């Protein structure tokens, strides 16, 4: 699936200077809409695209930065796992969260593509000759892969199945197209995939269990109520609350993974958010974007470590390469915070 998405993006955008990097961003966006995971997106797309970028004369830092930051879009673009966890913890409407993530995801993706094109023209990078025939063939071959996010999100929004059922439908669909249509997956591969999935789920469940116990302890100690009282006395407006929330989330992102941060901080901040009239869907997108930036920030920036290991490059080099592209996420976070209507435009239309 990842290979066909990449081939499709390359054939349609490779003719521009910086087009291969743009193809990386687009492939990450589409794959994120399938996997819902940033590290998985980075590994799936990066393992194929990084050698192609280097082969075509793209600088190492440009290639590393574009792939590392684009891979982080997996936690924002639906069906995002962190969005599901946020909905579970706060009671926010998960369908609204999903659709609310589309516009911020598109903004972040567009800014990343603009950055890629800027470097492409600045460095006069090589291009791939456009072939209508090759583009058409790659589009036809890519239709089954393109349809996967459509099936997942379309079924949820149409009320055909729930988020949990959508995950099962997506898994079955992926197996069918890989085994019977693409014929690129054997029984051995299915067993290995199931094994890896069980390990990942086990890790997530352990995190959830520990965070639940910790949240129960906080509730017994009246910590959420004390925090609300403190915030309402110190904070004088909705905007000050959002600013403080973002600062807290950015700091938390330095030391915690996204799931743990949501499980611990969301129950503490939601009561105050409701007091100041902040919509939980808007808060959820701010949560994810701020923590997404944390995914790219030392010392715990998971995508930085994944990228360093995947591409066999020093951690410091990956950090340096990611900084210009990280600016795109910061701009997106600012826009989403000060323009809540951008987030809520489509979400408000979901019943």
C-alpha atoms as a PDB file:
ATOM      1  CA  UNK A   1       0.000   0.000   0.000  1.00  0.00           C
ATOM      2  CA  UNK A   2       2.758   2.457   0.975  1.00  0.00           C
ATOM      3  CA  UNK A   3       4.704   1.712  -2.211  1.00  0.00           C
ATOM      4  CA  UNK A   4       1.728   2.444  -4.446  1.00  0.00           C
ATOM      5  CA  UNK A   5       0.947   5.687  -2.631  1.00  0.00           C
ATOM      6  CA  UNK A   6       4.556   6.792  -3.085  1.00  0.00           C
ATOM      7  CA  UNK A   7       4.573   5.829  -6.781  1.00  0.00           C
ATOM      8  CA  UNK A   8       1.362   7.810  -7.284  1.00  0.00           C
ATOM      9  CA  UNK A   9       2.733  10.910  -5.528  1.00  0.00           C
ATOM     10  CA  UNK A  10       6.042  10.738  -7.421  1.00  0.00           C
ATOM     11  CA  UNK A  11       4.376  10.529 -10.827  1.00  0.00           C
ATOM     12  CA  UNK A  12       2.101  13.488 -10.135  1.00  0.00           C
ATOM     13  CA  UNK A  13       4.507  15.821  -8.293  1.00  0.00           C
ATOM     14  CA  UNK A  14       8.038  14.712  -9.169  1.00  0.00           C
ATOM     15  CA  UNK A  15       8.234  17.151 -12.110  1.00  0.00           C
ATOM     16  CA  UNK A  16       8.500  20.162  -9.778  1.00  0.00           C
ATOM     17  CA  UNK A  17      11.749  21.310  -8.160  1.00  0.00           C
ATOM     18  CA  UNK A  18      11.411  19.884  -4.693  1.00  0.00           C
ATOM     19  CA  UNK A  19       8.622  17.677  -6.023  1.00  0.00           C
ATOM     20  CA  UNK A  20      10.082  14.473  -4.588  1.00  0.00           C
ATOM     21  CA  UNK A  21       9.954  16.007  -1.114  1.00  0.00           C
ATOM     22  CA  UNK A  22       6.390  17.170  -1.828  1.00  0.00           C
ATOM     23  CA  UNK A  23       5.594  13.584  -2.808  1.00  0.00           C
ATOM     24  CA  UNK A  24       6.916  12.505   0.618  1.00  0.00           C
ATOM     25  CA  UNK A  25       4.511  14.869   2.376  1.00  0.00           C
ATOM     26  CA  UNK A  26       1.525  13.726   0.302  1.00  0.00           C
ATOM     27  CA  UNK A  27       2.387  10.050   0.764  1.00  0.00           C
ATOM     28  CA  UNK A  28       2.662  10.613   4.533  1.00  0.00           C
ATOM     29  CA  UNK A  29      -0.744  12.339   4.594  1.00  0.00           C
ATOM     30  CA  UNK A  30      -2.442   9.471   2.757  1.00  0.00           C
ATOM     31  CA  UNK A  31      -0.683   6.781   4.782  1.00  0.00           C
ATOM     32  CA  UNK A  32      -1.464   8.626   8.031  1.00  0.00           C
ATOM     33  CA  UNK A  33      -5.138   8.403   7.082  1.00  0.00           C
ATOM     34  CA  UNK A  34      -4.661   4.634   6.969  1.00  0.00           C
ATOM     35  CA  UNK A  35      -2.407   3.922   9.954  1.00  0.00           C
ATOM     36  CA  UNK A  36      -3.247   6.731  12.407  1.00  0.00           C
ATOM     37  CA  UNK A  37       0.282   6.421  13.811  1.00  0.00           C
ATOM     38  CA  UNK A  38       3.250   8.766  13.343  1.00  0.00           C
ATOM     39  CA  UNK A  39       6.116   6.269  13.824  1.00  0.00           C
ATOM     40  CA  UNK A  40       4.412   3.734  11.523  1.00  0.00           C
ATOM     41  CA  UNK A  41       3.906   6.421   8.861  1.00  0.00           C
ATOM     42  CA  UNK A  42       7.538   7.524   9.118  1.00  0.00           C
ATOM     43  CA  UNK A  43       8.861   3.967   8.844  1.00  0.00           C
ATOM     44  CA  UNK A  44       6.564   2.936   5.973  1.00  0.00           C
ATOM     45  CA  UNK A  45       7.176   6.021   3.817  1.00  0.00           C
ATOM     46  CA  UNK A  46      10.684   6.927   4.960  1.00  0.00           C
ATOM     47  CA  UNK A  47      12.220   3.511   4.317  1.00  0.00           C
ATOM     48  CA  UNK A  48      11.256   3.824   0.637  1.00  0.00           C
ATOM     49  CA  UNK A  49      11.518   7.568   0.019  1.00  0.00           C
ATOM     50  CA  UNK A  50      14.795   8.422   1.776  1.00  0.00           C
ATOM     51  CA  UNK A  51      16.993   6.400  -0.627  1.00  0.00           C
ATOM     52  CA  UNK A  52      15.046   7.874  -3.573  1.00  0.00           C
ATOM     53  CA  UNK A  53      15.614  11.431  -2.337  1.00  0.00           C
ATOM     54  CA  UNK A  54      19.346  10.907  -1.827  1.00  0.00           C
ATOM     55  CA  UNK A  55      19.666   9.163  -5.209  1.00  0.00           C
ATOM     56  CA  UNK A  56      18.096  12.191  -6.912  1.00  0.00           C
ATOM     57  CA  UNK A  57      20.539  14.624  -5.333  1.00  0.00           C
ATOM     58  CA  UNK A  58      18.456  15.924  -2.427  1.00  0.00           C
ATOM     59  CA  UNK A  59      20.576  17.096   0.547  1.00  0.00           C
ATOM     60  CA  UNK A  60      20.581  14.801   3.569  1.00  0.00           C
ATOM     61  CA  UNK A  61      19.151  17.404   5.925  1.00  0.00           C
ATOM     62  CA  UNK A  62      16.300  18.318   3.578  1.00  0.00           C
ATOM     63  CA  UNK A  63      15.411  14.646   3.155  1.00  0.00           C
ATOM     64  CA  UNK A  64      15.629  13.927   6.887  1.00  0.00           C
ATOM     65  CA  UNK A  65      13.631  17.001   7.893  1.00  0.00           C
ATOM     66  CA  UNK A  66      10.852  16.558   5.337  1.00  0.00           C
ATOM     67  CA  UNK A  67      10.322  12.882   6.166  1.00  0.00           C
ATOM     68  CA  UNK A  68      10.653  13.175   9.951  1.00  0.00           C
ATOM     69  CA  UNK A  69       8.185  16.040  10.346  1.00  0.00           C
ATOM     70  CA  UNK A  70       5.762  14.826   7.653  1.00  0.00           C
ATOM     71  CA  UNK A  71       5.660  11.465   9.391  1.00  0.00           C
ATOM     72  CA  UNK A  72       4.381  13.172  12.541  1.00  0.00           C
ATOM     73  CA  UNK A  73       1.113  14.062  10.751  1.00  0.00           C
ATOM     74  CA  UNK A  74      -0.074  10.556  11.610  1.00  0.00           C
ATOM     75  CA  UNK A  75      -1.351  11.653  15.027  1.00  0.00           C
ATOM     76  CA  UNK A  76      -3.405  14.546  13.632  1.00  0.00           C
ATOM     77  CA  UNK A  77      -5.011  13.206  10.470  1.00  0.00           C
ATOM     78  CA  UNK A  78      -7.962  10.870  11.128  1.00  0.00           C
ATOM     79  CA  UNK A  79      -8.257   8.086  12.079  1.00  0.00           C
ATOM     80  CA  UNK A  80      -5.693   9.247  14.633  1.00  0.00           C
ATOM     81  CA  UNK A  81      -5.091   6.984  17.638  1.00  0.00           C
ATOM     82  CA  UNK A  82      -4.434   9.948  20.015  1.00  0.00           C
ATOM     83  CA  UNK A  83      -7.713  11.575  18.915  1.00  0.00           C
ATOM     84  CA  UNK A  84      -9.533   8.368  19.829  1.00  0.00           C
ATOM     85  CA  UNK A  85      -7.811   8.303  23.236  1.00  0.00           C
ATOM     86  CA  UNK A  86      -8.691  11.977  23.833  1.00  0.00           C
ATOM     87  CA  UNK A  87     -12.334  11.255  23.017  1.00  0.00           C
ATOM     88  CA  UNK A  88     -12.306   8.250  25.342  1.00  0.00           C
ATOM     89  CA  UNK A  89     -10.858  10.260  28.240  1.00  0.00           C
ATOM     90  CA  UNK A  90     -12.891  13.470  27.858  1.00  0.00           C
ATOM     91  CA  UNK A  91     -16.164  12.257  26.369  1.00  0.00           C
ATOM     92  CA  UNK A  92     -15.700  14.456  23.286  1.00  0.00           C
ATOM     93  CA  UNK A  93     -17.457  13.349  20.097  1.00  0.00           C
ATOM     94  CA  UNK A  94     -14.869  11.251  18.248  1.00  0.00           C
ATOM     95  CA  UNK A  95     -16.530  11.797  14.867  1.00  0.00           C
ATOM     96  CA  UNK A  96     -16.316  15.570  15.358  1.00  0.00           C
ATOM     97  CA  UNK A  97     -12.689  15.231  16.432  1.00  0.00           C
ATOM     98  CA  UNK A  98     -11.905  13.257  13.305  1.00  0.00           C
ATOM     99  CA  UNK A  99     -13.470  15.741  10.925  1.00  0.00           C
ATOM    100  CA  UNK A 100     -12.000  18.667  12.898  1.00  0.00           C
ATOM    101  CA  UNK A 101      -8.525  17.257  12.297  1.00  0.00           C
ATOM    102  CA  UNK A 102      -8.872  17.402   8.513  1.00  0.00           C
ATOM    103  CA  UNK A 103      -8.426  21.172   8.006  1.00  0.00           C
ATOM    104  CA  UNK A 104      -5.480  21.560  10.454  1.00  0.00           C
ATOM    105  CA  UNK A 105      -3.899  18.492   8.844  1.00  0.00           C
ATOM    106  CA  UNK A 106      -4.363  20.044   5.408  1.00  0.00           C
ATOM    107  CA  UNK A 107      -2.869  23.353   6.607  1.00  0.00           C
ATOM    108  CA  UNK A 108       0.167  21.608   8.103  1.00  0.00           C
ATOM    109  CA  UNK A 109       0.593  19.519   4.954  1.00  0.00           C
ATOM    110  CA  UNK A 110       0.318  22.574   2.690  1.00  0.00           C
ATOM    111  CA  UNK A 111       2.912  24.497   4.728  1.00  0.00           C
ATOM    112  CA  UNK A 112       5.284  21.518   4.603  1.00  0.00           C
ATOM    113  CA  UNK A 113       4.859  21.285   0.824  1.00  0.00           C
ATOM    114  CA  UNK A 114       5.547  25.012   0.433  1.00  0.00           C
ATOM    115  CA  UNK A 115       8.714  24.574   2.492  1.00  0.00           C
ATOM    116  CA  UNK A 116       9.794  21.672   0.243  1.00  0.00           C
ATOM    117  CA  UNK A 117       9.187  23.730  -2.912  1.00  0.00           C
ATOM    118  CA  UNK A 118      11.072  26.679  -1.411  1.00  0.00           C
ATOM    119  CA  UNK A 119      14.158  24.530  -0.836  1.00  0.00           C
ATOM    120  CA  UNK A 120      13.674  22.855  -4.211  1.00  0.00           C
ATOM    121  CA  UNK A 121      13.912  26.133  -6.114  1.00  0.00           C
ATOM    122  CA  UNK A 122      16.519  27.623  -3.778  1.00  0.00           C
ATOM    123  CA  UNK A 123      18.840  24.620  -4.246  1.00  0.00           C
ATOM    124  CA  UNK A 124      17.834  24.050  -7.895  1.00  0.00           C
ATOM    125  CA  UNK A 125      17.070  20.387  -7.239  1.00  0.00           C
ATOM    126  CA  UNK A 126      16.604  17.808  -9.972  1.00  0.00           C
ATOM    127  CA  UNK A 127      13.164  16.874 -11.282  1.00  0.00           C
ATOM    128  CA  UNK A 128      11.502  13.754 -12.667  1.00  0.00           C
ATOM    129  CA  UNK A 129      10.068  14.117 -16.165  1.00  0.00           C
ATOM    130  CA  UNK A 130       6.269  14.046 -16.128  1.00  0.00           C
ATOM    131  CA  UNK A 131       4.684  11.186 -18.049  1.00  0.00           C
ATOM    132  CA  UNK A 132       0.887  11.210 -18.463  1.00  0.00           C
ATOM    133  CA  UNK A 133       0.958   7.475 -19.159  1.00  0.00           C
ATOM    134  CA  UNK A 134       2.974   6.663 -16.029  1.00  0.00           C
ATOM    135  CA  UNK A 135       0.768   8.968 -13.951  1.00  0.00           C
ATOM    136  CA  UNK A 136      -2.371   7.247 -15.256  1.00  0.00           C
ATOM    137  CA  UNK A 137      -0.983   3.771 -14.595  1.00  0.00           C
ATOM    138  CA  UNK A 138       0.109   4.695 -11.061  1.00  0.00           C
ATOM    139  CA  UNK A 139      -3.326   6.197 -10.385  1.00  0.00           C
ATOM    140  CA  UNK A 140      -5.122   3.024 -11.493  1.00  0.00           C
ATOM    141  CA  UNK A 141      -2.764   0.846  -9.432  1.00  0.00           C
ATOM    142  CA  UNK A 142      -3.174   3.169  -6.469  1.00  0.00           C
ATOM    143  CA  UNK A 143      -6.990   3.193  -6.420  1.00  0.00           C
ATOM    144  CA  UNK A 144      -7.276   0.331  -3.862  1.00  0.00           C
ATOM    145  CA  UNK A 145      -4.852   2.176  -1.554  1.00  0.00           C
ATOM    146  CA  UNK A 146      -6.593   5.540  -2.046  1.00  0.00           C
ATOM    147  CA  UNK A 147      -9.954   3.950  -1.235  1.00  0.00           C
ATOM    148  CA  UNK A 148      -8.805   2.761   2.182  1.00  0.00           C
ATOM    149  CA  UNK A 149      -9.129   6.103   4.040  1.00  0.00           C
ATOM    150  CA  UNK A 150     -12.353   6.750   2.115  1.00  0.00           C
ATOM    151  CA  UNK A 151     -13.801   3.467   3.386  1.00  0.00           C
ATOM    152  CA  UNK A 152     -12.632   4.128   6.954  1.00  0.00           C
ATOM    153  CA  UNK A 153     -13.822   7.732   7.284  1.00  0.00           C
ATOM    154  CA  UNK A 154     -16.811   7.439   4.954  1.00  0.00           C
ATOM    155  CA  UNK A 155     -18.243   4.545   6.931  1.00  0.00           C
ATOM    156  CA  UNK A 156     -17.803   6.383  10.228  1.00  0.00           C
ATOM    157  CA  UNK A 157     -19.389   9.636   9.060  1.00  0.00           C
ATOM    158  CA  UNK A 158     -22.204   7.808   7.267  1.00  0.00           C
ATOM    159  CA  UNK A 159     -23.047   5.992  10.499  1.00  0.00           C
ATOM    160  CA  UNK A 160     -22.437   2.570   8.957  1.00  0.00           C
ATOM    161  CA  UNK A 161     -20.012   1.531  11.693  1.00  0.00           C
ATOM    162  CA  UNK A 162     -18.313   2.877  14.804  1.00  0.00           C
ATOM    163  CA  UNK A 163     -14.648   3.830  15.130  1.00  0.00           C
ATOM    164  CA  UNK A 164     -13.807   0.424  16.615  1.00  0.00           C
ATOM    165  CA  UNK A 165     -15.649  -1.397  13.845  1.00  0.00           C
ATOM    166  CA  UNK A 166     -13.924   0.838  11.272  1.00  0.00           C
ATOM    167  CA  UNK A 167     -10.559  -0.424  12.525  1.00  0.00           C
ATOM    168  CA  UNK A 168     -11.681  -4.019  11.937  1.00  0.00           C
ATOM    169  CA  UNK A 169     -13.018  -3.151   8.470  1.00  0.00           C
ATOM    170  CA  UNK A 170      -9.722  -1.427   7.604  1.00  0.00           C
ATOM    171  CA  UNK A 171      -7.681  -4.431   8.743  1.00  0.00           C
ATOM    172  CA  UNK A 172      -9.778  -6.874   6.700  1.00  0.00           C
ATOM    173  CA  UNK A 173      -9.693  -4.568   3.649  1.00  0.00           C
ATOM    174  CA  UNK A 174      -5.893  -4.209   3.895  1.00  0.00           C
ATOM    175  CA  UNK A 175      -5.430  -7.979   4.098  1.00  0.00           C
ATOM    176  CA  UNK A 176      -7.738  -8.561   1.124  1.00  0.00           C
ATOM    177  CA  UNK A 177      -5.987  -6.084  -1.181  1.00  0.00           C
ATOM    178  CA  UNK A 178      -2.487  -7.139  -0.088  1.00  0.00           C
ATOM    179  CA  UNK A 179      -3.138 -10.889  -0.362  1.00  0.00           C
ATOM    180  CA  UNK A 180      -5.638 -11.199  -3.213  1.00  0.00           C
ATOM    181  CA  UNK A 181      -5.246  -7.999  -5.304  1.00  0.00           C
ATOM    182  CA  UNK A 182      -1.620  -6.867  -4.946  1.00  0.00           C
ATOM    183  CA  UNK A 183      -0.438 -10.396  -4.025  1.00  0.00           C
ATOM    184  CA  UNK A 184       2.412  -8.947  -1.974  1.00  0.00           C
ATOM    185  CA  UNK A 185       1.582 -10.555   1.365  1.00  0.00           C
ATOM    186  CA  UNK A 186       1.864 -14.226   2.318  1.00  0.00           C
ATOM    187  CA  UNK A 187       0.489 -16.165   5.293  1.00  0.00           C
ATOM    188  CA  UNK A 188       3.832 -15.820   7.072  1.00  0.00           C
ATOM    189  CA  UNK A 189       3.648 -12.033   6.710  1.00  0.00           C
ATOM    190  CA  UNK A 190       0.115 -11.977   8.168  1.00  0.00           C
ATOM    191  CA  UNK A 191       1.265 -13.938  11.224  1.00  0.00           C
ATOM    192  CA  UNK A 192       4.224 -11.584  11.748  1.00  0.00           C
ATOM    193  CA  UNK A 193       1.942  -8.552  11.369  1.00  0.00           C
ATOM    194  CA  UNK A 194      -0.508  -9.922  13.940  1.00  0.00           C
ATOM    195  CA  UNK A 195       2.377 -10.633  16.313  1.00  0.00           C
ATOM    196  CA  UNK A 196       3.710  -7.072  16.003  1.00  0.00           C
ATOM    197  CA  UNK A 197       0.188  -5.666  16.457  1.00  0.00           C
ATOM    198  CA  UNK A 198      -0.307  -7.600  19.696  1.00  0.00           C
ATOM    199  CA  UNK A 199       2.964  -6.201  21.077  1.00  0.00           C
ATOM    200  CA  UNK A 200       1.991  -2.614  20.208  1.00  0.00           C
ATOM    201  CA  UNK A 201      -1.499  -3.046  21.688  1.00  0.00           C
ATOM    202  CA  UNK A 202      -0.012  -4.563  24.830  1.00  0.00           C
ATOM    203  CA  UNK A 203       2.213  -1.521  25.305  1.00  0.00           C
ATOM    204  CA  UNK A 204      -0.738   0.848  24.810  1.00  0.00           C
ATOM    205  CA  UNK A 205      -2.924  -1.077  27.275  1.00  0.00           C
ATOM    206  CA  UNK A 206      -0.191  -1.005  29.932  1.00  0.00           C
ATOM    207  CA  UNK A 207       0.142   2.777  29.485  1.00  0.00           C
ATOM    208  CA  UNK A 208      -3.638   3.212  29.711  1.00  0.00           C
ATOM    209  CA  UNK A 209      -3.851   1.016  32.820  1.00  0.00           C
ATOM    210  CA  UNK A 210      -1.096   2.909  34.650  1.00  0.00           C
ATOM    211  CA  UNK A 211      -2.490   6.292  33.630  1.00  0.00           C
ATOM    212  CA  UNK A 212      -5.977   5.269  34.781  1.00  0.00           C
ATOM    213  CA  UNK A 213      -4.625   4.352  38.220  1.00  0.00           C
ATOM    214  CA  UNK A 214      -2.739   7.656  38.383  1.00  0.00           C
ATOM    215  CA  UNK A 215      -5.846   9.620  37.367  1.00  0.00           C
ATOM    216  CA  UNK A 216      -7.859   7.800  40.044  1.00  0.00           C
ATOM    217  CA  UNK A 217      -5.254   8.813  42.625  1.00  0.00           C
ATOM    218  CA  UNK A 218      -5.428  12.449  41.450  1.00  0.00           C
ATOM    219  CA  UNK A 219      -9.215  12.398  41.750  1.00  0.00           C
ATOM    220  CA  UNK A 220      -9.056  11.006  45.290  1.00  0.00           C
ATOM    221  CA  UNK A 221      -6.703  13.841  46.225  1.00  0.00           C
ATOM    222  CA  UNK A 222      -9.034  16.433  44.620  1.00  0.00           C
ATOM    223  CA  UNK A 223      -6.195  17.562  42.346  1.00  0.00           C
ATOM    224  CA  UNK A 224      -8.497  18.364  39.373  1.00  0.00           C
ATOM    225  CA  UNK A 225     -10.694  20.593  41.560  1.00  0.00           C
ATOM    226  CA  UNK A 226      -7.659  22.291  43.090  1.00  0.00           C
ATOM    227  CA  UNK A 227      -6.274  22.947  39.609  1.00  0.00           C
ATOM    228  CA  UNK A 228      -9.588  24.395  38.421  1.00  0.00           C
ATOM    229  CA  UNK A 229      -9.694  26.651  41.474  1.00  0.00           C
ATOM    230  CA  UNK A 230      -6.094  27.758  40.900  1.00  0.00           C
ATOM    231  CA  UNK A 231      -6.631  28.384  37.185  1.00  0.00           C
ATOM    232  CA  UNK A 232      -9.861  30.328  37.682  1.00  0.00           C
ATOM    233  CA  UNK A 233      -8.125  32.579  40.223  1.00  0.00           C
ATOM    234  CA  UNK A 234      -4.975  33.108  38.166  1.00  0.00           C
ATOM    235  CA  UNK A 235      -6.347  33.005  34.610  1.00  0.00           C
ATOM    236  CA  UNK A 236      -8.486  35.934  33.548  1.00  0.00           C
ATOM    237  CA  UNK A 237      -9.614  34.906  30.076  1.00  0.00           C
ATOM    238  CA  UNK A 238     -10.157  32.038  27.662  1.00  0.00           C
ATOM    239  CA  UNK A 239      -7.114  33.072  25.620  1.00  0.00           C
ATOM    240  CA  UNK A 240      -4.828  33.112  28.639  1.00  0.00           C
ATOM    241  CA  UNK A 241      -6.070  29.623  29.510  1.00  0.00           C
ATOM    242  CA  UNK A 242      -5.318  28.374  25.986  1.00  0.00           C
ATOM    243  CA  UNK A 243      -1.856  29.953  26.085  1.00  0.00           C
ATOM    244  CA  UNK A 244      -1.041  28.302  29.424  1.00  0.00           C
ATOM    245  CA  UNK A 245      -2.455  24.998  28.170  1.00  0.00           C
ATOM    246  CA  UNK A 246      -0.198  25.086  25.103  1.00  0.00           C
ATOM    247  CA  UNK A 247       2.859  25.866  27.236  1.00  0.00           C
ATOM    248  CA  UNK A 248       2.015  22.961  29.568  1.00  0.00           C
ATOM    249  CA  UNK A 249       1.512  20.602  26.613  1.00  0.00           C
ATOM    250  CA  UNK A 250       4.743  21.659  24.911  1.00  0.00           C
ATOM    251  CA  UNK A 251       6.670  21.060  28.131  1.00  0.00           C
ATOM    252  CA  UNK A 252       4.900  17.726  28.647  1.00  0.00           C
ATOM    253  CA  UNK A 253       5.793  16.758  25.090  1.00  0.00           C
ATOM    254  CA  UNK A 254       9.470  17.082  25.992  1.00  0.00           C
ATOM    255  CA  UNK A 255       9.263  14.237  28.507  1.00  0.00           C
ATOM    256  CA  UNK A 256       6.116  12.182  27.801  1.00  0.00           C
ATOM    257  CA  UNK A 257       4.700  10.234  24.903  1.00  0.00           C
ATOM    258  CA  UNK A 258       1.437  11.500  23.412  1.00  0.00           C
ATOM    259  CA  UNK A 259      -0.876   8.824  24.835  1.00  0.00           C
ATOM    260  CA  UNK A 260       0.429   9.227  28.392  1.00  0.00           C
ATOM    261  CA  UNK A 261       0.219  13.019  28.182  1.00  0.00           C
ATOM    262  CA  UNK A 262      -3.409  12.868  27.038  1.00  0.00           C
ATOM    263  CA  UNK A 263      -4.412  10.346  29.687  1.00  0.00           C
ATOM    264  CA  UNK A 264      -2.848  12.381  32.489  1.00  0.00           C
ATOM    265  CA  UNK A 265      -3.366  16.004  31.415  1.00  0.00           C
ATOM    266  CA  UNK A 266      -6.741  15.923  29.639  1.00  0.00           C
ATOM    267  CA  UNK A 267      -8.781  15.046  32.768  1.00  0.00           C
ATOM    268  CA  UNK A 268      -6.991  17.862  34.631  1.00  0.00           C
ATOM    269  CA  UNK A 269      -7.482  20.571  31.999  1.00  0.00           C
ATOM    270  CA  UNK A 270     -10.961  19.743  30.678  1.00  0.00           C
ATOM    271  CA  UNK A 271     -12.914  21.109  33.709  1.00  0.00           C
ATOM    272  CA  UNK A 272     -11.165  24.482  33.393  1.00  0.00           C
ATOM    273  CA  UNK A 273     -11.647  24.464  29.619  1.00  0.00           C
ATOM    274  CA  UNK A 274     -15.383  23.979  30.076  1.00  0.00           C
ATOM    275  CA  UNK A 275     -15.431  26.776  32.667  1.00  0.00           C
ATOM    276  CA  UNK A 276     -14.010  29.175  30.062  1.00  0.00           C
ATOM    277  CA  UNK A 277     -16.283  27.915  27.295  1.00  0.00           C
ATOM    278  CA  UNK A 278     -13.622  26.136  25.245  1.00  0.00           C
ATOM    279  CA  UNK A 279     -15.150  23.507  22.968  1.00  0.00           C
ATOM    280  CA  UNK A 280     -13.707  20.059  23.707  1.00  0.00           C
ATOM    281  CA  UNK A 281     -13.211  19.401  19.997  1.00  0.00           C
ATOM    282  CA  UNK A 282     -11.167  22.596  19.642  1.00  0.00           C
ATOM    283  CA  UNK A 283      -9.211  21.695  22.773  1.00  0.00           C
ATOM    284  CA  UNK A 284      -8.593  18.198  21.407  1.00  0.00           C
ATOM    285  CA  UNK A 285      -7.012  19.491  18.200  1.00  0.00           C
ATOM    286  CA  UNK A 286      -4.842  21.918  20.197  1.00  0.00           C
ATOM    287  CA  UNK A 287      -3.817  18.992  22.429  1.00  0.00           C
ATOM    288  CA  UNK A 288      -2.777  16.858  19.470  1.00  0.00           C
ATOM    289  CA  UNK A 289      -0.959  19.631  17.601  1.00  0.00           C
ATOM    290  CA  UNK A 290       1.006  20.736  20.675  1.00  0.00           C
ATOM    291  CA  UNK A 291       1.931  17.152  21.520  1.00  0.00           C
ATOM    292  CA  UNK A 292       2.744  16.531  17.848  1.00  0.00           C
ATOM    293  CA  UNK A 293       5.386  19.238  18.166  1.00  0.00           C
ATOM    294  CA  UNK A 294       6.570  17.376  21.259  1.00  0.00           C
ATOM    295  CA  UNK A 295       6.985  14.318  19.021  1.00  0.00           C
ATOM    296  CA  UNK A 296       9.678  16.356  17.269  1.00  0.00           C
ATOM    297  CA  UNK A 297      11.395  17.825  20.329  1.00  0.00           C
ATOM    298  CA  UNK A 298      14.265  16.352  22.402  1.00  0.00           C
ATOM    299  CA  UNK A 299      14.791  14.621  24.731  1.00  0.00           C
ATOM    300  CA  UNK A 300      11.827  12.230  24.196  1.00  0.00           C
ATOM    301  CA  UNK A 301      10.856  13.186  20.621  1.00  0.00           C
ATOM    302  CA  UNK A 302       9.835   9.730  19.438  1.00  0.00           C
ATOM    303  CA  UNK A 303       9.910  10.534  15.729  1.00  0.00           C
ATOM    304  CA  UNK A 304      13.438  11.908  16.106  1.00  0.00           C
ATOM    305  CA  UNK A 305      14.672   8.611  17.542  1.00  0.00           C
ATOM    306  CA  UNK A 306      12.740   6.596  14.948  1.00  0.00           C
ATOM    307  CA  UNK A 307      14.234   8.723  12.169  1.00  0.00           C
ATOM    308  CA  UNK A 308      17.747   8.506  13.608  1.00  0.00           C
ATOM    309  CA  UNK A 309      17.557   4.716  13.791  1.00  0.00           C
ATOM    310  CA  UNK A 310      15.738   4.240  10.481  1.00  0.00           C
ATOM    311  CA  UNK A 311      18.131   6.385   8.430  1.00  0.00           C
ATOM    312  CA  UNK A 312      21.225   5.586  10.535  1.00  0.00           C
ATOM    313  CA  UNK A 313      22.004   9.241  11.153  1.00  0.00           C
ATOM    314  CA  UNK A 314      23.176  11.018  14.353  1.00  0.00           C
ATOM    315  CA  UNK A 315      20.365  12.208  16.586  1.00  0.00           C
ATOM    316  CA  UNK A 316      21.683  15.793  16.576  1.00  0.00           C
ATOM    317  CA  UNK A 317      21.651  15.874  12.775  1.00  0.00           C
ATOM    318  CA  UNK A 318      18.013  14.745  12.687  1.00  0.00           C
ATOM    319  CA  UNK A 319      17.081  17.466  15.199  1.00  0.00           C
ATOM    320  CA  UNK A 320      18.842  20.169  13.171  1.00  0.00           C
ATOM    321  CA  UNK A 321      17.300  18.950   9.905  1.00  0.00           C
ATOM    322  CA  UNK A 322      13.787  18.960  11.375  1.00  0.00           C
ATOM    323  CA  UNK A 323      13.792  22.513  12.772  1.00  0.00           C
ATOM    324  CA  UNK A 324      12.776  24.423   9.584  1.00  0.00           C
ATOM    325  CA  UNK A 325       9.916  21.998   8.968  1.00  0.00           C
ATOM    326  CA  UNK A 326       8.894  22.067  12.624  1.00  0.00           C
ATOM    327  CA  UNK A 327       8.142  25.760  12.107  1.00  0.00           C
ATOM    328  CA  UNK A 328       5.256  24.691   9.836  1.00  0.00           C
ATOM    329  CA  UNK A 329       3.630  22.819  12.733  1.00  0.00           C
ATOM    330  CA  UNK A 330       4.134  25.780  15.073  1.00  0.00           C
ATOM    331  CA  UNK A 331       2.396  28.100  12.585  1.00  0.00           C
ATOM    332  CA  UNK A 332      -0.452  25.594  12.253  1.00  0.00           C
ATOM    333  CA  UNK A 333      -0.840  25.447  16.049  1.00  0.00           C
ATOM    334  CA  UNK A 334      -1.016  29.250  16.266  1.00  0.00           C
ATOM    335  CA  UNK A 335      -3.639  29.437  13.499  1.00  0.00           C
ATOM    336  CA  UNK A 336      -5.743  26.667  15.029  1.00  0.00           C
ATOM    337  CA  UNK A 337      -5.632  28.328  18.458  1.00  0.00           C
ATOM    338  CA  UNK A 338      -6.576  31.860  17.401  1.00  0.00           C
ATOM    339  CA  UNK A 339      -9.033  30.775  14.683  1.00  0.00           C
ATOM    340  CA  UNK A 340     -11.296  28.158  16.303  1.00  0.00           C
ATOM    341  CA  UNK A 341     -13.781  28.466  13.438  1.00  0.00           C
ATOM    342  CA  UNK A 342     -11.158  26.880  11.180  1.00  0.00           C
ATOM    343  CA  UNK A 343     -11.300  23.777  13.361  1.00  0.00           C
ATOM    344  CA  UNK A 344     -15.024  23.796  14.012  1.00  0.00           C
ATOM    345  CA  UNK A 345     -16.333  24.673  10.523  1.00  0.00           C
ATOM    346  CA  UNK A 346     -16.904  21.091   9.395  1.00  0.00           C
ATOM    347  CA  UNK A 347     -17.098  19.617  12.905  1.00  0.00           C
ATOM    348  CA  UNK A 348     -20.186  21.713  13.712  1.00  0.00           C
ATOM    349  CA  UNK A 349     -21.970  20.112  10.767  1.00  0.00           C
ATOM    350  CA  UNK A 350     -21.585  16.637  12.291  1.00  0.00           C
ATOM    351  CA  UNK A 351     -24.580  15.598  14.385  1.00  0.00           C
END
